[in-house]
PDB file of N, CA and C in Angstrom:
ATOM      1  N   MET A   1      -1.160   7.316  40.561  1.00  0.00           N
ATOM      2  CA  MET A   1      -1.175   6.283  39.554  1.00  0.00           C
ATOM      3  C   MET A   1      -0.363   6.771  38.337  1.00  0.00           C
ATOM      4  N   ARG A   2       0.462   5.893  37.794  1.00  0.00           N
ATOM      5  CA  ARG A   2       1.240   6.216  36.593  1.00  0.00           C
ATOM      6  C   ARG A   2       0.486   5.841  35.364  1.00  0.00           C
ATOM      7  N   ARG A   3       0.597   6.642  34.335  1.00  0.00           N
ATOM      8  CA  ARG A   3      -0.020   6.344  33.053  1.00  0.00           C
ATOM      9  C   ARG A   3       1.071   5.997  32.041  1.00  0.00           C
ATOM     10  N   ALA A   4       0.784   4.983  31.262  1.00  0.00           N
ATOM     11  CA  ALA A   4       1.733   4.613  30.205  1.00  0.00           C
ATOM     12  C   ALA A   4       1.586   5.610  29.054  1.00  0.00           C
ATOM     13  N   LEU A   5       2.704   6.039  28.522  1.00  0.00           N
ATOM     14  CA  LEU A   5       2.663   6.930  27.383  1.00  0.00           C
ATOM     15  C   LEU A   5       2.567   6.102  26.104  1.00  0.00           C
ATOM     16  N   VAL A   6       1.648   6.490  25.264  1.00  0.00           N
ATOM     17  CA  VAL A   6       1.447   5.748  24.017  1.00  0.00           C
ATOM     18  C   VAL A   6       1.880   6.673  22.872  1.00  0.00           C
ATOM     19  N   SER A   7       2.754   6.196  22.085  1.00  0.00           N
ATOM     20  CA  SER A   7       3.197   6.975  20.917  1.00  0.00           C
ATOM     21  C   SER A   7       2.312   6.648  19.723  1.00  0.00           C
ATOM     22  N   VAL A   8       1.728   7.680  19.171  1.00  0.00           N
ATOM     23  CA  VAL A   8       0.856   7.491  17.992  1.00  0.00           C
ATOM     24  C   VAL A   8       1.562   8.127  16.811  1.00  0.00           C
ATOM     25  N   VAL A   9       1.852   7.325  15.829  1.00  0.00           N
ATOM     26  CA  VAL A   9       2.510   7.809  14.625  1.00  0.00           C
ATOM     27  C   VAL A   9       1.473   7.900  13.517  1.00  0.00           C
ATOM     28  N   LEU A  10       1.227   9.120  13.073  1.00  0.00           N
ATOM     29  CA  LEU A  10       0.258   9.299  11.971  1.00  0.00           C
ATOM     30  C   LEU A  10       1.032   9.565  10.705  1.00  0.00           C
ATOM     31  N   GLY A  11       0.530   9.049   9.656  1.00  0.00           N
ATOM     32  CA  GLY A  11       1.160   9.224   8.345  1.00  0.00           C
ATOM     33  C   GLY A  11       0.336   8.533   7.285  1.00  0.00           C
ATOM     34  N   TRP A  12       0.987   8.180   6.226  1.00  0.00           N
ATOM     35  CA  TRP A  12       0.325   7.569   5.091  1.00  0.00           C
ATOM     36  C   TRP A  12       1.042   6.296   4.714  1.00  0.00           C
ATOM     37  N   TYR A  13       0.273   5.285   4.364  1.00  0.00           N
ATOM     38  CA  TYR A  13       0.817   4.002   3.916  1.00  0.00           C
ATOM     39  C   TYR A  13       0.524   3.816   2.436  1.00  0.00           C
ATOM     40  N   ALA A  14       1.513   3.343   1.705  1.00  0.00           N
ATOM     41  CA  ALA A  14       1.304   2.915   0.344  1.00  0.00           C
ATOM     42  C   ALA A  14       1.046   1.410   0.452  1.00  0.00           C
ATOM     43  N   LEU A  15      -0.162   1.008   0.126  1.00  0.00           N
ATOM     44  CA  LEU A  15      -0.590  -0.376   0.234  1.00  0.00           C
ATOM     45  C   LEU A  15      -0.808  -1.007  -1.147  1.00  0.00           C
ATOM     46  N   VAL A  16      -0.420  -2.239  -1.276  1.00  0.00           N
ATOM     47  CA  VAL A  16      -0.667  -2.995  -2.510  1.00  0.00           C
ATOM     48  C   VAL A  16      -1.562  -4.200  -2.182  1.00  0.00           C
ATOM     49  N   PRO A  17      -2.488  -4.527  -3.092  1.00  0.00           N
ATOM     50  CA  PRO A  17      -3.384  -5.650  -2.842  1.00  0.00           C
ATOM     51  C   PRO A  17      -2.633  -6.975  -2.834  1.00  0.00           C
ATOM     52  N   PRO A  18      -3.141  -7.954  -2.060  1.00  0.00           N
ATOM     53  CA  PRO A  18      -2.475  -9.233  -2.009  1.00  0.00           C
ATOM     54  C   PRO A  18      -2.622  -9.999  -3.336  1.00  0.00           C
ATOM     55  N   LEU A  19      -1.703 -10.894  -3.527  1.00  0.00           N
ATOM     56  CA  LEU A  19      -1.754 -11.788  -4.707  1.00  0.00           C
ATOM     57  C   LEU A  19      -2.416 -13.101  -4.327  1.00  0.00           C
ATOM     58  N   ILE A  20      -3.260 -13.599  -5.223  1.00  0.00           N
ATOM     59  CA  ILE A  20      -3.823 -14.944  -5.065  1.00  0.00           C
ATOM     60  C   ILE A  20      -3.425 -15.686  -6.340  1.00  0.00           C
ATOM     61  N   GLY A  21      -2.420 -16.511  -6.198  1.00  0.00           N
ATOM     62  CA  GLY A  21      -1.869 -17.177  -7.395  1.00  0.00           C
ATOM     63  C   GLY A  21      -1.270 -16.120  -8.316  1.00  0.00           C
ATOM     64  N   ASP A  22      -1.813 -16.040  -9.526  1.00  0.00           N
ATOM     65  CA  ASP A  22      -1.302 -15.048 -10.494  1.00  0.00           C
ATOM     66  C   ASP A  22      -2.305 -13.907 -10.687  1.00  0.00           C
ATOM     67  N   ARG A  23      -3.156 -13.691  -9.679  1.00  0.00           N
ATOM     68  CA  ARG A  23      -4.152 -12.620  -9.732  1.00  0.00           C
ATOM     69  C   ARG A  23      -3.960 -11.624  -8.598  1.00  0.00           C
ATOM     70  N   VAL A  24      -4.250 -10.398  -8.904  1.00  0.00           N
ATOM     71  CA  VAL A  24      -4.199  -9.341  -7.899  1.00  0.00           C
ATOM     72  C   VAL A  24      -5.609  -9.197  -7.302  1.00  0.00           C
ATOM     73  N   ASN A  25      -5.721  -9.365  -5.998  1.00  0.00           N
ATOM     74  CA  ASN A  25      -7.020  -9.381  -5.353  1.00  0.00           C
ATOM     75  C   ASN A  25      -7.377  -7.976  -4.828  1.00  0.00           C
ATOM     76  N   VAL A  26      -7.899  -7.136  -5.737  1.00  0.00           N
ATOM     77  CA  VAL A  26      -8.237  -5.768  -5.357  1.00  0.00           C
ATOM     78  C   VAL A  26      -9.496  -5.697  -4.488  1.00  0.00           C
ATOM     79  N   SER A  27     -10.238  -6.760  -4.414  1.00  0.00           N
ATOM     80  CA  SER A  27     -11.477  -6.739  -3.591  1.00  0.00           C
ATOM     81  C   SER A  27     -11.186  -7.164  -2.158  1.00  0.00           C
ATOM     82  N   ALA A  28      -9.942  -7.543  -1.853  1.00  0.00           N
ATOM     83  CA  ALA A  28      -9.617  -7.933  -0.483  1.00  0.00           C
ATOM     84  C   ALA A  28      -9.730  -6.729   0.456  1.00  0.00           C
ATOM     85  N   PRO A  29     -10.092  -6.952   1.724  1.00  0.00           N
ATOM     86  CA  PRO A  29     -10.165  -5.839   2.671  1.00  0.00           C
ATOM     87  C   PRO A  29      -8.805  -5.169   2.813  1.00  0.00           C
ATOM     88  N   LEU A  30      -8.806  -3.850   3.000  1.00  0.00           N
ATOM     89  CA  LEU A  30      -7.558  -3.093   3.129  1.00  0.00           C
ATOM     90  C   LEU A  30      -6.672  -3.624   4.254  1.00  0.00           C
ATOM     91  N   SER A  31      -7.244  -4.190   5.253  1.00  0.00           N
ATOM     92  CA  SER A  31      -6.457  -4.713   6.369  1.00  0.00           C
ATOM     93  C   SER A  31      -5.571  -5.883   5.961  1.00  0.00           C
ATOM     94  N   THR A  32      -5.839  -6.475   4.799  1.00  0.00           N
ATOM     95  CA  THR A  32      -5.040  -7.610   4.314  1.00  0.00           C
ATOM     96  C   THR A  32      -4.048  -7.179   3.222  1.00  0.00           C
ATOM     97  N   TRP A  33      -4.088  -5.930   2.819  1.00  0.00           N
ATOM     98  CA  TRP A  33      -3.139  -5.440   1.805  1.00  0.00           C
ATOM     99  C   TRP A  33      -1.759  -5.350   2.426  1.00  0.00           C
ATOM    100  N   ASP A  34      -0.724  -5.430   1.603  1.00  0.00           N
ATOM    101  CA  ASP A  34       0.647  -5.367   2.031  1.00  0.00           C
ATOM    102  C   ASP A  34       1.137  -3.908   2.034  1.00  0.00           C
ATOM    103  N   GLN A  35       1.855  -3.523   3.079  1.00  0.00           N
ATOM    104  CA  GLN A  35       2.433  -2.183   3.146  1.00  0.00           C
ATOM    105  C   GLN A  35       3.692  -2.163   2.322  1.00  0.00           C
ATOM    106  N   LEU A  36       3.686  -1.285   1.310  1.00  0.00           N
ATOM    107  CA  LEU A  36       4.852  -1.123   0.455  1.00  0.00           C
ATOM    108  C   LEU A  36       5.817  -0.166   1.110  1.00  0.00           C
ATOM    109  N   ARG A  37       5.336   0.974   1.544  1.00  0.00           N
ATOM    110  CA  ARG A  37       6.129   2.004   2.202  1.00  0.00           C
ATOM    111  C   ARG A  37       5.261   2.855   3.089  1.00  0.00           C
ATOM    112  N   ALA A  38       5.905   3.676   3.943  1.00  0.00           N
ATOM    113  CA  ALA A  38       5.170   4.604   4.770  1.00  0.00           C
ATOM    114  C   ALA A  38       5.728   6.007   4.481  1.00  0.00           C
ATOM    115  N   PHE A  39       4.842   6.999   4.600  1.00  0.00           N
ATOM    116  CA  PHE A  39       5.214   8.395   4.262  1.00  0.00           C
ATOM    117  C   PHE A  39       4.657   9.343   5.328  1.00  0.00           C
ATOM    118  N   ASP A  40       5.275  10.498   5.417  1.00  0.00           N
ATOM    119  CA  ASP A  40       4.790  11.551   6.293  1.00  0.00           C
ATOM    120  C   ASP A  40       3.625  12.298   5.747  1.00  0.00           C
ATOM    121  N   THR A  41       3.553  12.424   4.392  1.00  0.00           N
ATOM    122  CA  THR A  41       2.499  13.185   3.759  1.00  0.00           C
ATOM    123  C   THR A  41       1.824  12.422   2.641  1.00  0.00           C
ATOM    124  N   ALA A  42       0.580  12.805   2.335  1.00  0.00           N
ATOM    125  CA  ALA A  42      -0.124  12.214   1.215  1.00  0.00           C
ATOM    126  C   ALA A  42       0.565  12.527  -0.091  1.00  0.00           C
ATOM    127  N   GLU A  43       1.097  13.749  -0.202  1.00  0.00           N
ATOM    128  CA  GLU A  43       1.748  14.170  -1.433  1.00  0.00           C
ATOM    129  C   GLU A  43       2.971  13.268  -1.726  1.00  0.00           C
ATOM    130  N   ALA A  44       3.753  12.955  -0.728  1.00  0.00           N
ATOM    131  CA  ALA A  44       4.907  12.068  -0.928  1.00  0.00           C
ATOM    132  C   ALA A  44       4.472  10.699  -1.377  1.00  0.00           C
ATOM    133  N   CYS A  45       3.397  10.199  -0.803  1.00  0.00           N
ATOM    134  CA  CYS A  45       2.860   8.896  -1.160  1.00  0.00           C
ATOM    135  C   CYS A  45       2.380   8.892  -2.635  1.00  0.00           C
ATOM    136  N   GLU A  46       1.636   9.931  -2.986  1.00  0.00           N
ATOM    137  CA  GLU A  46       1.113  10.060  -4.355  1.00  0.00           C
ATOM    138  C   GLU A  46       2.267  10.167  -5.383  1.00  0.00           C
ATOM    139  N   ASN A  47       3.305  10.904  -5.051  1.00  0.00           N
ATOM    140  CA  ASN A  47       4.452  11.011  -5.955  1.00  0.00           C
ATOM    141  C   ASN A  47       5.118   9.663  -6.156  1.00  0.00           C
ATOM    142  N   MET A  48       5.235   8.892  -5.074  1.00  0.00           N
ATOM    143  CA  MET A  48       5.785   7.544  -5.208  1.00  0.00           C
ATOM    144  C   MET A  48       4.915   6.670  -6.130  1.00  0.00           C
ATOM    145  N   MET A  49       3.601   6.797  -5.982  1.00  0.00           N
ATOM    146  CA  MET A  49       2.702   6.011  -6.805  1.00  0.00           C
ATOM    147  C   MET A  49       2.893   6.312  -8.289  1.00  0.00           C
ATOM    148  N   ILE A  50       3.069   7.549  -8.628  1.00  0.00           N
ATOM    149  CA  ILE A  50       3.258   7.958 -10.015  1.00  0.00           C
ATOM    150  C   ILE A  50       4.553   7.328 -10.566  1.00  0.00           C
ATOM    151  N   GLY A  51       5.602   7.393  -9.789  1.00  0.00           N
ATOM    152  CA  GLY A  51       6.871   6.787 -10.197  1.00  0.00           C
ATOM    153  C   GLY A  51       6.772   5.287 -10.386  1.00  0.00           C
ATOM    154  N   TYR A  52       6.118   4.600  -9.438  1.00  0.00           N
ATOM    155  CA  TYR A  52       5.946   3.155  -9.547  1.00  0.00           C
ATOM    156  C   TYR A  52       5.124   2.775 -10.743  1.00  0.00           C
ATOM    157  N   ALA A  53       4.086   3.534 -11.092  1.00  0.00           N
ATOM    158  CA  ALA A  53       3.241   3.226 -12.216  1.00  0.00           C
ATOM    159  C   ALA A  53       4.031   3.318 -13.505  1.00  0.00           C
ATOM    160  N   LYS A  54       4.917   4.308 -13.603  1.00  0.00           N
ATOM    161  CA  LYS A  54       5.759   4.437 -14.814  1.00  0.00           C
ATOM    162  C   LYS A  54       6.710   3.242 -14.950  1.00  0.00           C
ATOM    163  N   GLN A  55       7.325   2.850 -13.839  1.00  0.00           N
ATOM    164  CA  GLN A  55       8.231   1.711 -13.835  1.00  0.00           C
ATOM    165  C   GLN A  55       7.489   0.428 -14.182  1.00  0.00           C
ATOM    166  N   ALA A  56       6.300   0.262 -13.614  1.00  0.00           N
ATOM    167  CA  ALA A  56       5.527  -0.971 -13.844  1.00  0.00           C
ATOM    168  C   ALA A  56       5.162  -1.128 -15.290  1.00  0.00           C
ATOM    169  N   ALA A  57       4.830  -0.060 -15.962  1.00  0.00           N
ATOM    170  CA  ALA A  57       4.440  -0.113 -17.368  1.00  0.00           C
ATOM    171  C   ALA A  57       5.553  -0.621 -18.271  1.00  0.00           C
ATOM    172  N   ALA A  58       6.794  -0.468 -17.850  1.00  0.00           N
ATOM    173  CA  ALA A  58       7.939  -0.852 -18.690  1.00  0.00           C
ATOM    174  C   ALA A  58       8.355  -2.296 -18.493  1.00  0.00           C
ATOM    175  N   GLN A  59       7.739  -3.055 -17.607  1.00  0.00           N
ATOM    176  CA  GLN A  59       8.143  -4.425 -17.297  1.00  0.00           C
ATOM    177  C   GLN A  59       7.814  -5.365 -18.424  1.00  0.00           C
ATOM    178  N   THR A  60       8.678  -6.397 -18.654  1.00  0.00           N
ATOM    179  CA  THR A  60       8.440  -7.295 -19.765  1.00  0.00           C
ATOM    180  C   THR A  60       8.308  -8.774 -19.379  1.00  0.00           C
ATOM    181  N   ASP A  61       9.049  -9.304 -18.386  1.00  0.00           N
ATOM    182  CA  ASP A  61       8.922 -10.721 -18.093  1.00  0.00           C
ATOM    183  C   ASP A  61       7.698 -10.988 -17.213  1.00  0.00           C
ATOM    184  N   ASN A  62       7.272 -12.255 -17.160  1.00  0.00           N
ATOM    185  CA  ASN A  62       6.015 -12.621 -16.499  1.00  0.00           C
ATOM    186  C   ASN A  62       5.962 -12.242 -15.012  1.00  0.00           C
ATOM    187  N   GLN A  63       7.010 -12.539 -14.249  1.00  0.00           N
ATOM    188  CA  GLN A  63       7.017 -12.222 -12.827  1.00  0.00           C
ATOM    189  C   GLN A  63       6.978 -10.714 -12.636  1.00  0.00           C
ATOM    190  N   ALA A  64       7.737  -9.986 -13.422  1.00  0.00           N
ATOM    191  CA  ALA A  64       7.748  -8.549 -13.326  1.00  0.00           C
ATOM    192  C   ALA A  64       6.393  -7.946 -13.684  1.00  0.00           C
ATOM    193  N   ARG A  65       5.712  -8.516 -14.677  1.00  0.00           N
ATOM    194  CA  ARG A  65       4.390  -8.023 -15.080  1.00  0.00           C
ATOM    195  C   ARG A  65       3.395  -8.256 -13.962  1.00  0.00           C
ATOM    196  N   LEU A  66       3.465  -9.381 -13.272  1.00  0.00           N
ATOM    197  CA  LEU A  66       2.577  -9.670 -12.163  1.00  0.00           C
ATOM    198  C   LEU A  66       2.801  -8.646 -11.051  1.00  0.00           C
ATOM    199  N   LEU A  67       4.059  -8.417 -10.708  1.00  0.00           N
ATOM    200  CA  LEU A  67       4.370  -7.389  -9.707  1.00  0.00           C
ATOM    201  C   LEU A  67       3.887  -6.025 -10.188  1.00  0.00           C
ATOM    202  N   ALA A  68       4.029  -5.733 -11.483  1.00  0.00           N
ATOM    203  CA  ALA A  68       3.589  -4.460 -12.029  1.00  0.00           C
ATOM    204  C   ALA A  68       2.080  -4.308 -11.868  1.00  0.00           C
ATOM    205  N   ARG A  69       1.334  -5.357 -12.121  1.00  0.00           N
ATOM    206  CA  ARG A  69      -0.133  -5.277 -11.941  1.00  0.00           C
ATOM    207  C   ARG A  69      -0.505  -5.000 -10.505  1.00  0.00           C
ATOM    208  N   GLN A  70       0.253  -5.575  -9.582  1.00  0.00           N
ATOM    209  CA  GLN A  70       0.024  -5.340  -8.151  1.00  0.00           C
ATOM    210  C   GLN A  70       0.344  -3.890  -7.810  1.00  0.00           C
ATOM    211  N   VAL A  71       1.496  -3.408  -8.255  1.00  0.00           N
ATOM    212  CA  VAL A  71       1.944  -2.064  -7.946  1.00  0.00           C
ATOM    213  C   VAL A  71       1.083  -1.003  -8.597  1.00  0.00           C
ATOM    214  N   GLU A  72       0.549  -1.319  -9.793  1.00  0.00           N
ATOM    215  CA  GLU A  72      -0.331  -0.350 -10.460  1.00  0.00           C
ATOM    216  C   GLU A  72      -1.582  -0.028  -9.645  1.00  0.00           C
ATOM    217  N   ARG A  73      -1.897  -0.902  -8.720  1.00  0.00           N
ATOM    218  CA  ARG A  73      -3.081  -0.715  -7.874  1.00  0.00           C
ATOM    219  C   ARG A  73      -2.776  -0.219  -6.486  1.00  0.00           C
ATOM    220  N   VAL A  74      -1.571   0.293  -6.298  1.00  0.00           N
ATOM    221  CA  VAL A  74      -1.147   0.822  -5.005  1.00  0.00           C
ATOM    222  C   VAL A  74      -2.117   1.940  -4.583  1.00  0.00           C
ATOM    223  N   ARG A  75      -2.409   2.000  -3.292  1.00  0.00           N
ATOM    224  CA  ARG A  75      -3.287   3.035  -2.756  1.00  0.00           C
ATOM    225  C   ARG A  75      -2.625   3.671  -1.555  1.00  0.00           C
ATOM    226  N   CYS A  76      -2.763   4.971  -1.462  1.00  0.00           N
ATOM    227  CA  CYS A  76      -2.274   5.705  -0.301  1.00  0.00           C
ATOM    228  C   CYS A  76      -3.400   5.839   0.696  1.00  0.00           C
ATOM    229  N   ILE A  77      -3.201   5.314   1.884  1.00  0.00           N
ATOM    230  CA  ILE A  77      -4.204   5.279   2.907  1.00  0.00           C
ATOM    231  C   ILE A  77      -3.637   5.906   4.206  1.00  0.00           C
ATOM    232  N   HIS A  78      -4.415   6.762   4.806  1.00  0.00           N
ATOM    233  CA  HIS A  78      -3.974   7.388   6.065  1.00  0.00           C
ATOM    234  C   HIS A  78      -3.908   6.312   7.150  1.00  0.00           C
ATOM    235  N   SER A  79      -2.898   6.421   7.991  1.00  0.00           N
ATOM    236  CA  SER A  79      -2.671   5.395   9.003  1.00  0.00           C
ATOM    237  C   SER A  79      -3.827   5.272  10.007  1.00  0.00           C
ATOM    238  N   SER A  80      -4.658   6.268  10.117  1.00  0.00           N
ATOM    239  CA  SER A  80      -5.794   6.169  11.034  1.00  0.00           C
ATOM    240  C   SER A  80      -7.076   5.689  10.365  1.00  0.00           C
ATOM    241  N   ASP A  81      -6.992   5.284   9.111  1.00  0.00           N
ATOM    242  CA  ASP A  81      -8.188   4.805   8.390  1.00  0.00           C
ATOM    243  C   ASP A  81      -8.730   3.551   9.107  1.00  0.00           C
ATOM    244  N   PRO A  82      -9.993   3.554   9.504  1.00  0.00           N
ATOM    245  CA  PRO A  82     -10.556   2.422  10.231  1.00  0.00           C
ATOM    246  C   PRO A  82     -10.577   1.124   9.423  1.00  0.00           C
ATOM    247  N   ARG A  83     -10.505   1.209   8.097  1.00  0.00           N
ATOM    248  CA  ARG A  83     -10.515  -0.028   7.276  1.00  0.00           C
ATOM    249  C   ARG A  83      -9.253  -0.823   7.462  1.00  0.00           C
ATOM    250  N   LEU A  84      -8.203  -0.207   8.014  1.00  0.00           N
ATOM    251  CA  LEU A  84      -6.985  -0.952   8.258  1.00  0.00           C
ATOM    252  C   LEU A  84      -7.096  -1.865   9.469  1.00  0.00           C
ATOM    253  N   MET A  85      -8.058  -1.600  10.320  1.00  0.00           N
ATOM    254  CA  MET A  85      -8.263  -2.409  11.543  1.00  0.00           C
ATOM    255  C   MET A  85      -9.238  -3.563  11.322  1.00  0.00           C
ATOM    256  N   ALA A  86     -10.125  -3.450  10.356  1.00  0.00           N
ATOM    257  CA  ALA A  86     -11.135  -4.488  10.129  1.00  0.00           C
ATOM    258  C   ALA A  86     -10.483  -5.730   9.567  1.00  0.00           C
ATOM    259  N   ARG A  87     -10.918  -6.840  10.044  1.00  0.00           N
ATOM    260  CA  ARG A  87     -10.419  -8.131   9.531  1.00  0.00           C
ATOM    261  C   ARG A  87     -11.581  -8.955   9.104  1.00  0.00           C
TER     262      ARG A  87
END
C-alpha cells in the first residue's frame, strides 16, 4: 500500500483582527483573523510587529488610521496553534 506524503510547514503567522465597519474586532476567534505575513521564527514576526506599530502611529488620514488600529493589534501565532482551526 502506498502512503501519501503530507508536507507540514511550521512557522509563525502575523495575524490582524477583522474589521467590522470602522471597528477592529479583537474579540473575534483567531481562525477569522487575516494573515498579514508568515515567518520562519517568532523573532522575525515580533520584529515585524514593532516596525508596523511605529508606522501605524504616524498615520494621519481616516482610512490609514483605521488600518493602523488594525495593525496595532497584530499577533504572532504559531502555525500549529489549535485556535486557528476553531470556527
